[in-house]
Amino acid sequence: MPQHAPSTRVCRDCDGFATAAITTGTRHADGTRATLTVACPACHGTGHTTRTAVTVTAGR
């Protein structure tokens, strides 16, 4: 029987693609392009979110 790994929740803000490389359009002296690496602010570049406790208030 296959083993089941606990599933991790994918970040809803970045859909699991947590980092992006953005080309600025300029080039370095050696000819390579200058890029910026940006991480998702919601998951801090991991692509997954942790389960949080949900407080439910019911009643009057």
N, C-alpha and C. Protein backbone atom coordinates (compact mmCIF):
# COMPACT_ATOMS: atom_id res chain seq x y z
N MET A 1 0.84 -1.17 0.00
CA MET A 1 0.00 0.00 0.00
C MET A 1 0.89 1.25 0.00
N PRO A 2 0.58 2.22 -0.84
CA PRO A 2 1.45 3.41 -0.91
C PRO A 2 1.37 4.24 0.36
N GLN A 3 2.50 4.83 0.70
CA GLN A 3 2.55 5.71 1.86
C GLN A 3 2.04 7.09 1.47
N HIS A 4 1.27 7.69 2.32
CA HIS A 4 0.73 9.02 2.05
C HIS A 4 1.51 10.06 2.85
N ALA A 5 2.02 11.02 2.15
CA ALA A 5 2.72 12.13 2.80
C ALA A 5 1.70 13.19 3.15
N PRO A 6 1.89 13.89 4.25
CA PRO A 6 0.96 14.96 4.57
C PRO A 6 1.02 16.06 3.51
N SER A 7 -0.11 16.44 3.01
CA SER A 7 -0.13 17.46 1.96
C SER A 7 0.06 18.83 2.57
N THR A 8 0.87 19.65 1.91
CA THR A 8 1.09 21.02 2.37
C THR A 8 0.21 21.95 1.55
N ARG A 9 -0.25 22.97 2.19
CA ARG A 9 -1.13 23.92 1.54
C ARG A 9 -0.32 24.86 0.68
N VAL A 10 -0.74 25.03 -0.56
CA VAL A 10 -0.07 25.92 -1.49
C VAL A 10 -0.53 27.35 -1.20
N CYS A 11 0.41 28.27 -1.25
CA CYS A 11 0.12 29.68 -0.98
C CYS A 11 -0.91 30.19 -1.98
N ARG A 12 -1.95 30.83 -1.50
CA ARG A 12 -3.02 31.31 -2.39
C ARG A 12 -2.61 32.57 -3.15
N ASP A 13 -1.61 33.28 -2.67
CA ASP A 13 -1.19 34.51 -3.34
C ASP A 13 -0.28 34.24 -4.54
N CYS A 14 0.57 33.22 -4.45
CA CYS A 14 1.51 32.97 -5.54
C CYS A 14 1.29 31.63 -6.23
N ASP A 15 0.34 30.83 -5.80
CA ASP A 15 0.02 29.51 -6.37
C ASP A 15 1.23 28.58 -6.42
N GLY A 16 2.12 28.69 -5.45
CA GLY A 16 3.28 27.80 -5.39
C GLY A 16 4.50 28.29 -6.13
N PHE A 17 4.37 29.33 -6.92
CA PHE A 17 5.52 29.93 -7.62
C PHE A 17 5.99 31.11 -6.78
N ALA A 18 6.80 30.83 -5.78
CA ALA A 18 7.10 31.81 -4.73
C ALA A 18 8.14 32.86 -5.11
N THR A 19 9.03 32.56 -6.02
CA THR A 19 10.04 33.53 -6.40
C THR A 19 9.99 33.79 -7.90
N ALA A 20 10.34 34.98 -8.27
CA ALA A 20 10.35 35.37 -9.68
C ALA A 20 11.63 36.15 -9.96
N ALA A 21 12.20 35.94 -11.13
CA ALA A 21 13.37 36.69 -11.57
C ALA A 21 12.89 37.72 -12.59
N ILE A 22 13.13 38.98 -12.30
CA ILE A 22 12.68 40.07 -13.16
C ILE A 22 13.89 40.69 -13.84
N THR A 23 13.85 40.75 -15.15
CA THR A 23 14.95 41.36 -15.91
C THR A 23 14.73 42.87 -15.95
N THR A 24 15.78 43.61 -15.61
CA THR A 24 15.67 45.07 -15.56
C THR A 24 15.89 45.72 -16.92
N GLY A 25 16.46 44.99 -17.86
CA GLY A 25 16.71 45.56 -19.18
C GLY A 25 18.12 46.07 -19.36
N THR A 26 18.86 46.22 -18.26
CA THR A 26 20.25 46.67 -18.37
C THR A 26 21.17 45.45 -18.38
N ARG A 27 22.41 45.69 -18.78
CA ARG A 27 23.39 44.61 -18.84
C ARG A 27 24.61 44.97 -17.99
N HIS A 28 25.26 43.91 -17.47
CA HIS A 28 26.51 44.08 -16.74
C HIS A 28 27.64 44.25 -17.74
N ALA A 29 28.83 44.53 -17.24
CA ALA A 29 29.99 44.73 -18.11
C ALA A 29 30.36 43.46 -18.89
N ASP A 30 30.05 42.29 -18.32
CA ASP A 30 30.37 41.03 -19.02
C ASP A 30 29.28 40.61 -19.99
N GLY A 31 28.21 41.36 -20.12
CA GLY A 31 27.17 41.08 -21.10
C GLY A 31 25.94 40.38 -20.54
N THR A 32 25.99 39.94 -19.28
CA THR A 32 24.83 39.28 -18.70
C THR A 32 23.80 40.32 -18.28
N ARG A 33 22.55 39.91 -18.26
CA ARG A 33 21.47 40.83 -17.89
C ARG A 33 21.37 40.99 -16.38
N ALA A 34 21.03 42.18 -15.95
CA ALA A 34 20.81 42.44 -14.53
C ALA A 34 19.40 42.00 -14.19
N THR A 35 19.27 41.16 -13.17
CA THR A 35 17.96 40.66 -12.76
C THR A 35 17.75 40.90 -11.27
N LEU A 36 16.49 41.00 -10.90
CA LEU A 36 16.09 41.11 -9.50
C LEU A 36 15.32 39.85 -9.14
N THR A 37 15.57 39.30 -7.97
CA THR A 37 14.82 38.14 -7.49
C THR A 37 13.84 38.63 -6.44
N VAL A 38 12.57 38.35 -6.65
CA VAL A 38 11.51 38.82 -5.76
C VAL A 38 10.80 37.61 -5.17
N ALA A 39 10.60 37.63 -3.85
CA ALA A 39 9.90 36.53 -3.16
C ALA A 39 8.50 36.97 -2.79
N CYS A 40 7.59 36.01 -2.73
CA CYS A 40 6.20 36.26 -2.35
C CYS A 40 6.16 36.76 -0.89
N PRO A 41 5.52 37.89 -0.64
CA PRO A 41 5.48 38.41 0.73
C PRO A 41 4.56 37.60 1.66
N ALA A 42 3.62 36.86 1.11
CA ALA A 42 2.69 36.11 1.96
C ALA A 42 3.35 34.85 2.53
N CYS A 43 4.13 34.13 1.72
CA CYS A 43 4.73 32.87 2.18
C CYS A 43 6.24 32.98 2.38
N HIS A 44 6.79 34.15 2.14
CA HIS A 44 8.23 34.43 2.30
C HIS A 44 9.10 33.54 1.42
N GLY A 45 8.62 33.23 0.23
CA GLY A 45 9.41 32.50 -0.74
C GLY A 45 9.40 30.99 -0.59
N THR A 46 8.54 30.44 0.26
CA THR A 46 8.50 28.99 0.42
C THR A 46 7.50 28.33 -0.53
N GLY A 47 6.43 29.03 -0.89
CA GLY A 47 5.41 28.47 -1.77
C GLY A 47 4.31 27.75 -1.03
N HIS A 48 4.47 27.62 0.29
CA HIS A 48 3.48 26.91 1.11
C HIS A 48 3.06 27.78 2.28
N THR A 49 1.88 27.56 2.76
CA THR A 49 1.42 28.27 3.94
C THR A 49 1.24 27.28 5.07
N THR A 50 1.33 27.77 6.28
CA THR A 50 1.11 26.92 7.43
C THR A 50 -0.35 26.97 7.82
N ARG A 51 -0.81 25.93 8.43
CA ARG A 51 -2.19 25.90 8.88
C ARG A 51 -2.32 26.80 10.08
N THR A 52 -3.32 27.66 10.05
CA THR A 52 -3.55 28.57 11.16
C THR A 52 -4.83 28.17 11.89
N ALA A 53 -4.86 28.45 13.16
CA ALA A 53 -6.05 28.15 13.94
C ALA A 53 -7.11 29.19 13.61
N VAL A 54 -8.32 28.73 13.40
CA VAL A 54 -9.42 29.60 13.04
C VAL A 54 -10.32 29.74 14.25
N THR A 55 -10.58 30.97 14.63
CA THR A 55 -11.47 31.23 15.75
C THR A 55 -12.85 31.58 15.21
N VAL A 56 -13.84 30.83 15.65
CA VAL A 56 -15.20 31.07 15.21
C VAL A 56 -16.01 31.57 16.40
N THR A 57 -16.64 32.71 16.21
CA THR A 57 -17.48 33.27 17.25
C THR A 57 -18.92 33.17 16.80
N ALA A 58 -19.71 32.49 17.60
CA ALA A 58 -21.11 32.31 17.25
C ALA A 58 -21.98 32.73 18.44
N GLY A 59 -23.15 33.11 18.14
CA GLY A 59 -24.07 33.50 19.21
C GLY A 59 -24.45 34.95 19.11
N ARG A 60 -25.04 35.41 20.17
CA ARG A 60 -25.54 36.79 20.18
C ARG A 60 -24.57 37.74 20.78
